[in-house]
PDB file of N, CA and C in Angstrom:
ATOM      1  N   MET A   1     -52.743 -61.031  13.613  1.00  0.00           N
ATOM      2  CA  MET A   1     -54.453 -60.180  13.322  1.00  0.00           C
ATOM      3  C   MET A   1     -54.885 -59.045  14.899  1.00  0.00           C
ATOM      4  N   ARG A   2     -55.416 -58.514  15.407  1.00  0.00           N
ATOM      5  CA  ARG A   2     -55.637 -58.121  16.108  1.00  0.00           C
ATOM      6  C   ARG A   2     -56.891 -59.221  16.791  1.00  0.00           C
ATOM      7  N   ALA A   3     -57.221 -59.539  18.181  1.00  0.00           N
ATOM      8  CA  ALA A   3     -58.156 -60.202  18.458  1.00  0.00           C
ATOM      9  C   ALA A   3     -59.383 -59.223  17.695  1.00  0.00           C
ATOM     10  N   ASP A   4     -59.711 -58.086  18.574  1.00  0.00           N
ATOM     11  CA  ASP A   4     -60.719 -58.227  17.804  1.00  0.00           C
ATOM     12  C   ASP A   4     -61.259 -57.841  16.166  1.00  0.00           C
ATOM     13  N   ASP A   5     -60.538 -57.899  15.664  1.00  0.00           N
ATOM     14  CA  ASP A   5     -60.666 -57.476  13.807  1.00  0.00           C
ATOM     15  C   ASP A   5     -60.522 -59.820  13.700  1.00  0.00           C
ATOM     16  N   ARG A   6     -60.424 -60.845  13.653  1.00  0.00           N
ATOM     17  CA  ARG A   6     -60.871 -62.027  14.344  1.00  0.00           C
ATOM     18  C   ARG A   6     -62.210 -62.203  14.416  1.00  0.00           C
ATOM     19  N   ASN A   7     -62.315 -61.245  15.605  1.00  0.00           N
ATOM     20  CA  ASN A   7     -64.477 -61.372  16.029  1.00  0.00           C
ATOM     21  C   ASN A   7     -64.912 -61.239  14.844  1.00  0.00           C
ATOM     22  N   ARG A   8     -64.686 -59.813  14.262  1.00  0.00           N
ATOM     23  CA  ARG A   8     -65.613 -59.175  13.662  1.00  0.00           C
ATOM     24  C   ARG A   8     -65.327 -60.000  11.775  1.00  0.00           C
ATOM     25  N   ILE A   9     -64.746 -61.023  11.778  1.00  0.00           N
ATOM     26  CA  ILE A   9     -64.095 -61.581  10.825  1.00  0.00           C
ATOM     27  C   ILE A   9     -64.725 -63.183  10.750  1.00  0.00           C
ATOM     28  N   LYS A  10     -64.815 -63.746  11.992  1.00  0.00           N
ATOM     29  CA  LYS A  10     -65.894 -64.613  12.759  1.00  0.00           C
ATOM     30  C   LYS A  10     -67.588 -64.290  11.735  1.00  0.00           C
ATOM     31  N   HIS A  11     -67.130 -62.893  12.820  1.00  0.00           N
ATOM     32  CA  HIS A  11     -69.285 -61.974  12.012  1.00  0.00           C
ATOM     33  C   HIS A  11     -69.363 -62.167  10.687  1.00  0.00           C
ATOM     34  N   MET A  12     -68.467 -61.798  10.067  1.00  0.00           N
ATOM     35  CA  MET A  12     -68.911 -61.514   8.632  1.00  0.00           C
ATOM     36  C   MET A  12     -68.502 -63.415   8.290  1.00  0.00           C
ATOM     37  N   ARG A  13     -67.708 -63.710   8.166  1.00  0.00           N
ATOM     38  CA  ARG A  13     -68.181 -65.524   8.063  1.00  0.00           C
ATOM     39  C   ARG A  13     -69.913 -65.514   7.915  1.00  0.00           C
ATOM     40  N   ASP A  14     -69.654 -65.459   9.540  1.00  0.00           N
ATOM     41  CA  ASP A  14     -70.995 -66.066  10.210  1.00  0.00           C
ATOM     42  C   ASP A  14     -72.010 -66.245   9.294  1.00  0.00           C
ATOM     43  N   ALA A  15     -72.266 -64.548   8.521  1.00  0.00           N
ATOM     44  CA  ALA A  15     -73.242 -63.459   8.552  1.00  0.00           C
ATOM     45  C   ALA A  15     -73.559 -64.332   7.055  1.00  0.00           C
ATOM     46  N   ALA A  16     -71.691 -64.436   6.622  1.00  0.00           N
ATOM     47  CA  ALA A  16     -72.325 -64.649   4.926  1.00  0.00           C
ATOM     48  C   ALA A  16     -72.968 -66.535   4.781  1.00  0.00           C
ATOM     49  N   LYS A  17     -72.262 -67.224   5.704  1.00  0.00           N
ATOM     50  CA  LYS A  17     -72.890 -68.879   5.865  1.00  0.00           C
ATOM     51  C   LYS A  17     -74.030 -68.310   5.856  1.00  0.00           C
ATOM     52  N   GLU A  18     -75.054 -68.001   6.962  1.00  0.00           N
ATOM     53  CA  GLU A  18     -76.146 -67.920   7.371  1.00  0.00           C
ATOM     54  C   GLU A  18     -76.795 -67.831   6.025  1.00  0.00           C
ATOM     55  N   ALA A  19     -76.650 -65.907   5.001  1.00  0.00           N
ATOM     56  CA  ALA A  19     -77.709 -65.455   4.275  1.00  0.00           C
ATOM     57  C   ALA A  19     -77.371 -66.194   3.261  1.00  0.00           C
ATOM     58  N   TYR A  20     -75.776 -67.938   2.887  1.00  0.00           N
ATOM     59  CA  TYR A  20     -75.648 -68.441   1.225  1.00  0.00           C
ATOM     60  C   TYR A  20     -76.908 -69.868   2.119  1.00  0.00           C
ATOM     61  N   SER A  21     -76.636 -69.835   2.926  1.00  0.00           N
ATOM     62  CA  SER A  21     -77.720 -70.687   3.777  1.00  0.00           C
ATOM     63  C   SER A  21     -79.295 -71.161   3.753  1.00  0.00           C
ATOM     64  N   PHE A  22     -79.881 -70.099   3.857  1.00  0.00           N
ATOM     65  CA  PHE A  22     -81.281 -69.270   3.171  1.00  0.00           C
ATOM     66  C   PHE A  22     -81.689 -69.232   1.949  1.00  0.00           C
ATOM     67  N   THR A  23     -80.822 -69.221   1.388  1.00  0.00           N
ATOM     68  CA  THR A  23     -81.169 -69.104   0.002  1.00  0.00           C
ATOM     69  C   THR A  23     -80.292 -70.831  -1.047  1.00  0.00           C
ATOM     70  N   ARG A  24     -80.273 -71.355   0.314  1.00  0.00           N
ATOM     71  CA  ARG A  24     -79.977 -72.891  -0.534  1.00  0.00           C
ATOM     72  C   ARG A  24     -81.216 -73.497  -1.149  1.00  0.00           C
ATOM     73  N   GLY A  25     -81.462 -74.051  -2.214  1.00  0.00           N
ATOM     74  CA  GLY A  25     -82.125 -74.559  -2.999  1.00  0.00           C
ATOM     75  C   GLY A  25     -83.268 -73.659  -3.088  1.00  0.00           C
ATOM     76  N   LYS A  26     -83.027 -72.310  -3.302  1.00  0.00           N
ATOM     77  CA  LYS A  26     -83.881 -71.297  -3.681  1.00  0.00           C
ATOM     78  C   LYS A  26     -83.617 -71.256  -5.078  1.00  0.00           C
ATOM     79  N   THR A  27     -84.824 -70.249  -5.830  1.00  0.00           N
ATOM     80  CA  THR A  27     -84.504 -69.526  -7.148  1.00  0.00           C
ATOM     81  C   THR A  27     -84.755 -68.321  -6.528  1.00  0.00           C
ATOM     82  N   ARG A  28     -84.494 -66.757  -7.655  1.00  0.00           N
ATOM     83  CA  ARG A  28     -84.305 -66.014  -7.653  1.00  0.00           C
ATOM     84  C   ARG A  28     -86.157 -64.886  -7.559  1.00  0.00           C
ATOM     85  N   LYS A  29     -86.647 -65.914  -7.798  1.00  0.00           N
ATOM     86  CA  LYS A  29     -87.880 -65.915  -8.264  1.00  0.00           C
ATOM     87  C   LYS A  29     -88.982 -66.401  -7.049  1.00  0.00           C
ATOM     88  N   ASP A  30     -88.411 -67.031  -5.564  1.00  0.00           N
ATOM     89  CA  ASP A  30     -88.051 -66.539  -4.221  1.00  0.00           C
ATOM     90  C   ASP A  30     -88.110 -65.472  -3.511  1.00  0.00           C
ATOM     91  N   LEU A  31     -87.392 -64.543  -3.709  1.00  0.00           N
ATOM     92  CA  LEU A  31     -87.399 -63.511  -3.194  1.00  0.00           C
ATOM     93  C   LEU A  31     -88.355 -62.202  -3.706  1.00  0.00           C
ATOM     94  N   ASP A  32     -88.586 -62.353  -5.052  1.00  0.00           N
ATOM     95  CA  ASP A  32     -90.052 -62.437  -4.583  1.00  0.00           C
ATOM     96  C   ASP A  32     -91.601 -62.375  -4.369  1.00  0.00           C
ATOM     97  N   LYS A  33     -91.288 -64.060  -3.875  1.00  0.00           N
ATOM     98  CA  LYS A  33     -92.404 -64.600  -3.301  1.00  0.00           C
ATOM     99  C   LYS A  33     -92.449 -64.297  -1.416  1.00  0.00           C
ATOM    100  N   ASN A  34     -91.238 -63.956  -1.881  1.00  0.00           N
ATOM    101  CA  ASN A  34     -91.191 -64.708   0.359  1.00  0.00           C
ATOM    102  C   ASN A  34     -90.286 -62.513   1.011  1.00  0.00           C
ATOM    103  N   ARG A  35     -91.244 -62.916   1.289  1.00  0.00           N
ATOM    104  CA  ARG A  35     -90.598 -60.816   2.106  1.00  0.00           C
ATOM    105  C   ARG A  35     -89.821 -60.959   3.034  1.00  0.00           C
ATOM    106  N   MET A  36     -90.328 -62.231   4.087  1.00  0.00           N
ATOM    107  CA  MET A  36     -89.489 -63.165   5.689  1.00  0.00           C
ATOM    108  C   MET A  36     -87.928 -63.109   4.794  1.00  0.00           C
ATOM    109  N   LEU A  37     -87.933 -63.849   3.795  1.00  0.00           N
ATOM    110  CA  LEU A  37     -86.526 -64.415   2.607  1.00  0.00           C
ATOM    111  C   LEU A  37     -85.402 -63.188   2.588  1.00  0.00           C
ATOM    112  N   VAL A  38     -85.826 -61.565   1.818  1.00  0.00           N
ATOM    113  CA  VAL A  38     -85.919 -61.039   1.070  1.00  0.00           C
ATOM    114  C   VAL A  38     -84.709 -60.319   3.078  1.00  0.00           C
ATOM    115  N   LEU A  39     -86.033 -59.991   3.897  1.00  0.00           N
ATOM    116  CA  LEU A  39     -86.290 -59.735   5.050  1.00  0.00           C
ATOM    117  C   LEU A  39     -84.029 -60.311   5.682  1.00  0.00           C
ATOM    118  N   ALA A  40     -84.779 -61.058   5.795  1.00  0.00           N
ATOM    119  CA  ALA A  40     -83.478 -62.089   6.537  1.00  0.00           C
ATOM    120  C   ALA A  40     -82.052 -62.219   5.678  1.00  0.00           C
ATOM    121  N   VAL A  41     -82.301 -61.795   4.530  1.00  0.00           N
ATOM    122  CA  VAL A  41     -80.870 -61.705   3.841  1.00  0.00           C
ATOM    123  C   VAL A  41     -79.942 -60.626   3.636  1.00  0.00           C
ATOM    124  N   LEU A  42     -81.158 -59.423   3.617  1.00  0.00           N
ATOM    125  CA  LEU A  42     -80.906 -58.313   3.656  1.00  0.00           C
ATOM    126  C   LEU A  42     -80.210 -58.102   5.310  1.00  0.00           C
ATOM    127  N   LYS A  43     -80.473 -58.398   6.542  1.00  0.00           N
ATOM    128  CA  LYS A  43     -80.177 -58.463   7.378  1.00  0.00           C
ATOM    129  C   LYS A  43     -78.756 -58.851   7.527  1.00  0.00           C
ATOM    130  N   ASP A  44     -78.037 -59.999   7.040  1.00  0.00           N
ATOM    131  CA  ASP A  44     -76.975 -61.044   7.089  1.00  0.00           C
ATOM    132  C   ASP A  44     -76.596 -59.845   6.543  1.00  0.00           C
ATOM    133  N   LEU A  45     -76.412 -59.260   5.439  1.00  0.00           N
ATOM    134  CA  LEU A  45     -75.679 -58.281   4.070  1.00  0.00           C
ATOM    135  C   LEU A  45     -75.644 -58.024   4.657  1.00  0.00           C
ATOM    136  N   GLU A  46     -76.423 -56.564   5.587  1.00  0.00           N
ATOM    137  CA  GLU A  46     -75.363 -55.607   6.612  1.00  0.00           C
ATOM    138  C   GLU A  46     -74.838 -55.598   7.788  1.00  0.00           C
ATOM    139  N   ILE A  47     -74.944 -57.232   8.602  1.00  0.00           N
ATOM    140  CA  ILE A  47     -74.373 -57.493   9.222  1.00  0.00           C
ATOM    141  C   ILE A  47     -72.792 -57.539   9.192  1.00  0.00           C
ATOM    142  N   LEU A  48     -73.355 -58.248   7.763  1.00  0.00           N
ATOM    143  CA  LEU A  48     -71.368 -58.705   6.914  1.00  0.00           C
ATOM    144  C   LEU A  48     -71.037 -57.154   6.656  1.00  0.00           C
ATOM    145  N   GLY A  49     -71.678 -56.264   5.955  1.00  0.00           N
ATOM    146  CA  GLY A  49     -70.857 -54.458   6.317  1.00  0.00           C
ATOM    147  C   GLY A  49     -70.926 -54.312   7.656  1.00  0.00           C
ATOM    148  N   GLU A  50     -71.303 -54.265   8.238  1.00  0.00           N
ATOM    149  CA  GLU A  50     -70.929 -53.179   9.683  1.00  0.00           C
ATOM    150  C   GLU A  50     -69.471 -54.216  10.477  1.00  0.00           C
ATOM    151  N   ALA A  51     -69.444 -55.755   9.843  1.00  0.00           N
ATOM    152  CA  ALA A  51     -68.483 -56.326  10.798  1.00  0.00           C
ATOM    153  C   ALA A  51     -66.986 -55.952   9.274  1.00  0.00           C
ATOM    154  N   ALA A  52     -67.737 -55.746   8.459  1.00  0.00           N
ATOM    155  CA  ALA A  52     -66.214 -55.264   7.408  1.00  0.00           C
ATOM    156  C   ALA A  52     -65.711 -53.925   8.226  1.00  0.00           C
ATOM    157  N   ASN A  53     -66.439 -53.505   8.464  1.00  0.00           N
ATOM    158  CA  ASN A  53     -65.952 -51.591   8.040  1.00  0.00           C
ATOM    159  C   ASN A  53     -65.187 -51.377   9.533  1.00  0.00           C
ATOM    160  N   LYS A  54     -65.478 -52.308  10.679  1.00  0.00           N
ATOM    161  CA  LYS A  54     -64.807 -51.957  12.613  1.00  0.00           C
ATOM    162  C   LYS A  54     -63.457 -53.545  12.321  1.00  0.00           C
ATOM    163  N   VAL A  55     -63.628 -53.485  10.711  1.00  0.00           N
ATOM    164  CA  VAL A  55     -61.685 -54.452  10.993  1.00  0.00           C
ATOM    165  C   VAL A  55     -60.780 -53.356  10.414  1.00  0.00           C
ATOM    166  N   SER A  56     -59.573 -53.391  11.451  1.00  0.00           N
ATOM    167  CA  SER A  56     -58.769 -52.586  11.220  1.00  0.00           C
ATOM    168  C   SER A  56     -58.428 -52.080   9.679  1.00  0.00           C
ATOM    169  N   ALA A  57     -57.456 -50.660   9.867  1.00  0.00           N
ATOM    170  CA  ALA A  57     -56.936 -50.744   8.165  1.00  0.00           C
ATOM    171  C   ALA A  57     -55.910 -51.782   8.016  1.00  0.00           C
ATOM    172  N   GLU A  58     -55.279 -51.691   9.002  1.00  0.00           N
ATOM    173  CA  GLU A  58     -53.954 -53.402   8.300  1.00  0.00           C
ATOM    174  C   GLU A  58     -54.724 -54.170   8.635  1.00  0.00           C
ATOM    175  N   THR A  59     -55.578 -55.185   9.081  1.00  0.00           N
ATOM    176  CA  THR A  59     -55.724 -55.629   8.253  1.00  0.00           C
ATOM    177  C   THR A  59     -56.390 -56.432   7.693  1.00  0.00           C
ATOM    178  N   GLN A  60     -57.178 -54.718   6.857  1.00  0.00           N
ATOM    179  CA  GLN A  60     -58.453 -55.323   5.600  1.00  0.00           C
ATOM    180  C   GLN A  60     -56.808 -55.281   4.231  1.00  0.00           C
ATOM    181  N   GLU A  61     -55.909 -54.312   5.146  1.00  0.00           N
ATOM    182  CA  GLU A  61     -54.167 -54.579   4.090  1.00  0.00           C
ATOM    183  C   GLU A  61     -53.790 -55.752   4.124  1.00  0.00           C
ATOM    184  N   GLU A  62     -53.716 -55.842   4.149  1.00  0.00           N
ATOM    185  CA  GLU A  62     -53.065 -57.605   4.402  1.00  0.00           C
ATOM    186  C   GLU A  62     -53.622 -58.055   4.317  1.00  0.00           C
ATOM    187  N   HIS A  63     -55.456 -58.508   3.458  1.00  0.00           N
ATOM    188  CA  HIS A  63     -56.217 -59.624   3.672  1.00  0.00           C
ATOM    189  C   HIS A  63     -56.875 -58.357   1.942  1.00  0.00           C
ATOM    190  N   ASP A  64     -56.087 -57.900   0.691  1.00  0.00           N
ATOM    191  CA  ASP A  64     -56.345 -57.528   0.120  1.00  0.00           C
ATOM    192  C   ASP A  64     -57.316 -58.075  -0.989  1.00  0.00           C
ATOM    193  N   ASN A  65     -57.679 -58.948  -0.734  1.00  0.00           N
ATOM    194  CA  ASN A  65     -58.693 -60.045  -1.339  1.00  0.00           C
ATOM    195  C   ASN A  65     -59.624 -59.990  -1.118  1.00  0.00           C
ATOM    196  N   ILE A  66     -59.661 -59.170  -0.384  1.00  0.00           N
ATOM    197  CA  ILE A  66     -61.439 -59.018   0.479  1.00  0.00           C
ATOM    198  C   ILE A  66     -61.937 -57.590  -0.347  1.00  0.00           C
ATOM    199  N   PRO A  67     -62.989 -57.703  -1.115  1.00  0.00           N
ATOM    200  CA  PRO A  67     -63.308 -56.710  -1.400  1.00  0.00           C
ATOM    201  C   PRO A  67     -64.278 -56.119   0.111  1.00  0.00           C
ATOM    202  N   TRP A  68     -63.671 -55.504   0.226  1.00  0.00           N
ATOM    203  CA  TRP A  68     -63.639 -54.534   1.681  1.00  0.00           C
ATOM    204  C   TRP A  68     -65.159 -53.400   1.353  1.00  0.00           C
ATOM    205  N   GLY A  69     -63.350 -52.515   0.769  1.00  0.00           N
ATOM    206  CA  GLY A  69     -64.962 -51.868  -0.025  1.00  0.00           C
ATOM    207  C   GLY A  69     -66.353 -51.824  -0.880  1.00  0.00           C
ATOM    208  N   ASP A  70     -66.083 -52.849  -1.550  1.00  0.00           N
ATOM    209  CA  ASP A  70     -67.224 -53.664  -1.951  1.00  0.00           C
ATOM    210  C   ASP A  70     -68.642 -53.576  -0.770  1.00  0.00           C
ATOM    211  N   ILE A  71     -68.568 -54.473   0.225  1.00  0.00           N
ATOM    212  CA  ILE A  71     -68.967 -55.201   1.112  1.00  0.00           C
ATOM    213  C   ILE A  71     -69.377 -53.879   1.443  1.00  0.00           C
ATOM    214  N   ILE A  72     -68.512 -52.805   2.970  1.00  0.00           N
ATOM    215  CA  ILE A  72     -69.000 -52.584   3.385  1.00  0.00           C
ATOM    216  C   ILE A  72     -70.107 -50.793   2.217  1.00  0.00           C
ATOM    217  N   GLY A  73     -69.835 -50.966   1.454  1.00  0.00           N
ATOM    218  CA  GLY A  73     -70.749 -50.258   0.124  1.00  0.00           C
ATOM    219  C   GLY A  73     -72.134 -50.687   0.111  1.00  0.00           C
ATOM    220  N   MET A  74     -72.628 -51.885  -0.069  1.00  0.00           N
ATOM    221  CA  MET A  74     -73.817 -52.608  -0.116  1.00  0.00           C
ATOM    222  C   MET A  74     -74.224 -52.228   1.141  1.00  0.00           C
ATOM    223  N   ARG A  75     -73.547 -52.902   2.436  1.00  0.00           N
ATOM    224  CA  ARG A  75     -74.233 -51.877   3.692  1.00  0.00           C
ATOM    225  C   ARG A  75     -74.740 -50.836   3.792  1.00  0.00           C
ATOM    226  N   ASN A  76     -73.365 -50.229   3.550  1.00  0.00           N
ATOM    227  CA  ASN A  76     -74.461 -48.437   3.490  1.00  0.00           C
ATOM    228  C   ASN A  76     -75.538 -48.546   2.206  1.00  0.00           C
ATOM    229  N   ARG A  77     -75.080 -48.777   1.752  1.00  0.00           N
ATOM    230  CA  ARG A  77     -76.674 -49.032   0.063  1.00  0.00           C
ATOM    231  C   ARG A  77     -78.307 -49.362   0.917  1.00  0.00           C
ATOM    232  N   LEU A  78     -77.901 -51.021   1.518  1.00  0.00           N
ATOM    233  CA  LEU A  78     -78.389 -50.890   1.465  1.00  0.00           C
ATOM    234  C   LEU A  78     -79.473 -50.501   2.646  1.00  0.00           C
ATOM    235  N   ILE A  79     -78.860 -50.121   3.727  1.00  0.00           N
ATOM    236  CA  ILE A  79     -79.604 -49.043   5.243  1.00  0.00           C
ATOM    237  C   ILE A  79     -79.786 -48.082   4.806  1.00  0.00           C
ATOM    238  N   HIS A  80     -79.157 -46.984   3.654  1.00  0.00           N
ATOM    239  CA  HIS A  80     -80.148 -46.069   3.226  1.00  0.00           C
ATOM    240  C   HIS A  80     -81.104 -46.042   2.830  1.00  0.00           C
ATOM    241  N   GLY A  81     -80.684 -46.601   1.535  1.00  0.00           N
ATOM    242  CA  GLY A  81     -81.569 -46.714   0.369  1.00  0.00           C
ATOM    243  C   GLY A  81     -82.242 -48.033   0.125  1.00  0.00           C
ATOM    244  N   TYR A  82     -82.819 -47.921   1.737  1.00  0.00           N
ATOM    245  CA  TYR A  82     -83.434 -49.782   1.884  1.00  0.00           C
ATOM    246  C   TYR A  82     -84.447 -49.629   0.747  1.00  0.00           C
ATOM    247  N   PHE A  83     -85.275 -48.463   0.820  1.00  0.00           N
ATOM    248  CA  PHE A  83     -86.174 -48.216  -0.074  1.00  0.00           C
ATOM    249  C   PHE A  83     -86.503 -48.370  -2.115  1.00  0.00           C
ATOM    250  N   ASP A  84     -85.186 -48.630  -2.022  1.00  0.00           N
ATOM    251  CA  ASP A  84     -85.284 -48.558  -3.390  1.00  0.00           C
ATOM    252  C   ASP A  84     -83.633 -50.088  -3.448  1.00  0.00           C
ATOM    253  N   ILE A  85     -83.788 -51.506  -3.130  1.00  0.00           N
ATOM    254  CA  ILE A  85     -82.953 -52.538  -2.988  1.00  0.00           C
ATOM    255  C   ILE A  85     -83.580 -53.090  -4.542  1.00  0.00           C
ATOM    256  N   ASP A  86     -82.447 -53.511  -5.479  1.00  0.00           N
ATOM    257  CA  ASP A  86     -82.401 -54.362  -6.348  1.00  0.00           C
ATOM    258  C   ASP A  86     -82.332 -55.478  -6.396  1.00  0.00           C
ATOM    259  N   LEU A  87     -83.340 -56.788  -5.859  1.00  0.00           N
ATOM    260  CA  LEU A  87     -83.394 -58.006  -5.354  1.00  0.00           C
ATOM    261  C   LEU A  87     -82.042 -58.425  -6.718  1.00  0.00           C
ATOM    262  N   ASP A  88     -82.445 -57.993  -7.970  1.00  0.00           N
ATOM    263  CA  ASP A  88     -81.155 -59.504  -8.904  1.00  0.00           C
ATOM    264  C   ASP A  88     -79.705 -59.113  -8.646  1.00  0.00           C
ATOM    265  N   ILE A  89     -79.408 -57.658  -7.532  1.00  0.00           N
ATOM    266  CA  ILE A  89     -78.371 -57.421  -7.421  1.00  0.00           C
ATOM    267  C   ILE A  89     -77.853 -58.377  -5.711  1.00  0.00           C
ATOM    268  N   ILE A  90     -79.253 -58.261  -5.098  1.00  0.00           N
ATOM    269  CA  ILE A  90     -78.871 -59.673  -3.771  1.00  0.00           C
ATOM    270  C   ILE A  90     -78.676 -60.401  -4.296  1.00  0.00           C
ATOM    271  N   TRP A  91     -79.687 -61.444  -5.285  1.00  0.00           N
ATOM    272  CA  TRP A  91     -79.211 -62.808  -5.210  1.00  0.00           C
ATOM    273  C   TRP A  91     -78.257 -63.018  -6.227  1.00  0.00           C
ATOM    274  N   LYS A  92     -77.833 -61.823  -6.788  1.00  0.00           N
ATOM    275  CA  LYS A  92     -75.875 -62.279  -7.662  1.00  0.00           C
ATOM    276  C   LYS A  92     -75.012 -62.067  -6.336  1.00  0.00           C
ATOM    277  N   THR A  93     -74.831 -61.204  -5.203  1.00  0.00           N
ATOM    278  CA  THR A  93     -74.023 -61.362  -4.146  1.00  0.00           C
ATOM    279  C   THR A  93     -74.129 -62.318  -3.677  1.00  0.00           C
ATOM    280  N   ILE A  94     -75.123 -63.075  -3.186  1.00  0.00           N
ATOM    281  CA  ILE A  94     -76.058 -64.123  -2.756  1.00  0.00           C
ATOM    282  C   ILE A  94     -75.473 -65.323  -3.686  1.00  0.00           C
ATOM    283  N   SER A  95     -75.448 -65.840  -4.219  1.00  0.00           N
ATOM    284  CA  SER A  95     -75.285 -66.704  -5.118  1.00  0.00           C
ATOM    285  C   SER A  95     -73.875 -66.916  -5.847  1.00  0.00           C
ATOM    286  N   GLU A  96     -72.856 -65.898  -6.130  1.00  0.00           N
ATOM    287  CA  GLU A  96     -72.348 -65.976  -7.521  1.00  0.00           C
ATOM    288  C   GLU A  96     -71.006 -65.159  -6.718  1.00  0.00           C
ATOM    289  N   ASP A  97     -70.936 -64.499  -4.843  1.00  0.00           N
ATOM    290  CA  ASP A  97     -69.848 -63.626  -4.412  1.00  0.00           C
ATOM    291  C   ASP A  97     -69.487 -64.877  -2.845  1.00  0.00           C
ATOM    292  N   ILE A  98     -71.252 -64.407  -2.409  1.00  0.00           N
ATOM    293  CA  ILE A  98     -70.569 -64.985  -1.254  1.00  0.00           C
ATOM    294  C   ILE A  98     -69.896 -65.933  -1.009  1.00  0.00           C
ATOM    295  N   PRO A  99     -70.250 -67.459  -2.345  1.00  0.00           N
ATOM    296  CA  PRO A  99     -69.208 -68.749  -1.818  1.00  0.00           C
ATOM    297  C   PRO A  99     -67.784 -68.344  -1.789  1.00  0.00           C
ATOM    298  N   THR A 100     -66.877 -67.347  -3.280  1.00  0.00           N
ATOM    299  CA  THR A 100     -66.160 -66.801  -3.238  1.00  0.00           C
ATOM    300  C   THR A 100     -65.690 -66.401  -2.187  1.00  0.00           C
ATOM    301  N   LEU A 101     -66.761 -65.275  -1.414  1.00  0.00           N
ATOM    302  CA  LEU A 101     -65.874 -64.527  -0.078  1.00  0.00           C
ATOM    303  C   LEU A 101     -65.793 -65.309   0.783  1.00  0.00           C
ATOM    304  N   LEU A 102     -66.860 -66.167   1.537  1.00  0.00           N
ATOM    305  CA  LEU A 102     -66.577 -67.172   2.718  1.00  0.00           C
ATOM    306  C   LEU A 102     -64.987 -68.478   2.131  1.00  0.00           C
ATOM    307  N   LYS A 103     -64.367 -68.952   1.350  1.00  0.00           N
ATOM    308  CA  LYS A 103     -63.067 -69.602   1.069  1.00  0.00           C
ATOM    309  C   LYS A 103     -62.683 -68.529   1.527  1.00  0.00           C
ATOM    310  N   ALA A 104     -62.790 -67.467   1.108  1.00  0.00           N
ATOM    311  CA  ALA A 104     -61.211 -65.919   1.543  1.00  0.00           C
ATOM    312  C   ALA A 104     -61.477 -66.039   3.438  1.00  0.00           C
ATOM    313  N   LEU A 105     -62.463 -66.356   3.513  1.00  0.00           N
ATOM    314  CA  LEU A 105     -62.918 -66.014   5.349  1.00  0.00           C
ATOM    315  C   LEU A 105     -62.409 -66.763   6.122  1.00  0.00           C
ATOM    316  N   GLU A 106     -62.839 -67.855   5.533  1.00  0.00           N
ATOM    317  CA  GLU A 106     -62.432 -69.426   6.506  1.00  0.00           C
ATOM    318  C   GLU A 106     -60.381 -69.757   6.081  1.00  0.00           C
ATOM    319  N   LYS A 107     -60.185 -68.891   5.415  1.00  0.00           N
ATOM    320  CA  LYS A 107     -58.952 -68.571   5.005  1.00  0.00           C
ATOM    321  C   LYS A 107     -57.850 -68.010   6.035  1.00  0.00           C
ATOM    322  N   ILE A 108     -59.158 -66.937   6.862  1.00  0.00           N
ATOM    323  CA  ILE A 108     -58.627 -66.238   7.199  1.00  0.00           C
ATOM    324  C   ILE A 108     -58.210 -66.488   9.334  1.00  0.00           C
ATOM    325  N   VAL A 109     -59.986 -67.502   9.253  1.00  0.00           N
ATOM    326  CA  VAL A 109     -60.332 -67.972  10.552  1.00  0.00           C
ATOM    327  C   VAL A 109     -59.785 -68.963  10.808  1.00  0.00           C
TER     328      VAL A 109
END
């Protein structure tokens, strides 16, 4: 694996860990009440998607268990559709999808 791909995957892992840690002990309703929490997790999801977008096609193909397109698509949606973000989807992503993604990223790194 190229060194820059490995670094991007580490960035993905770190952003995913951080988003998950920010929501540990929180509930979905906390997103409605805490704008700073929302902005923090959105930024981490954006970083996750941006880093994923920079991983080479070869590495993405080699690790096809990672939902690259979904991750990159979410980043694009958050960046370009910032005015209409569904916090239920954000919560589901962090609480259900991120733990699985973290396990897969840890295996690569």
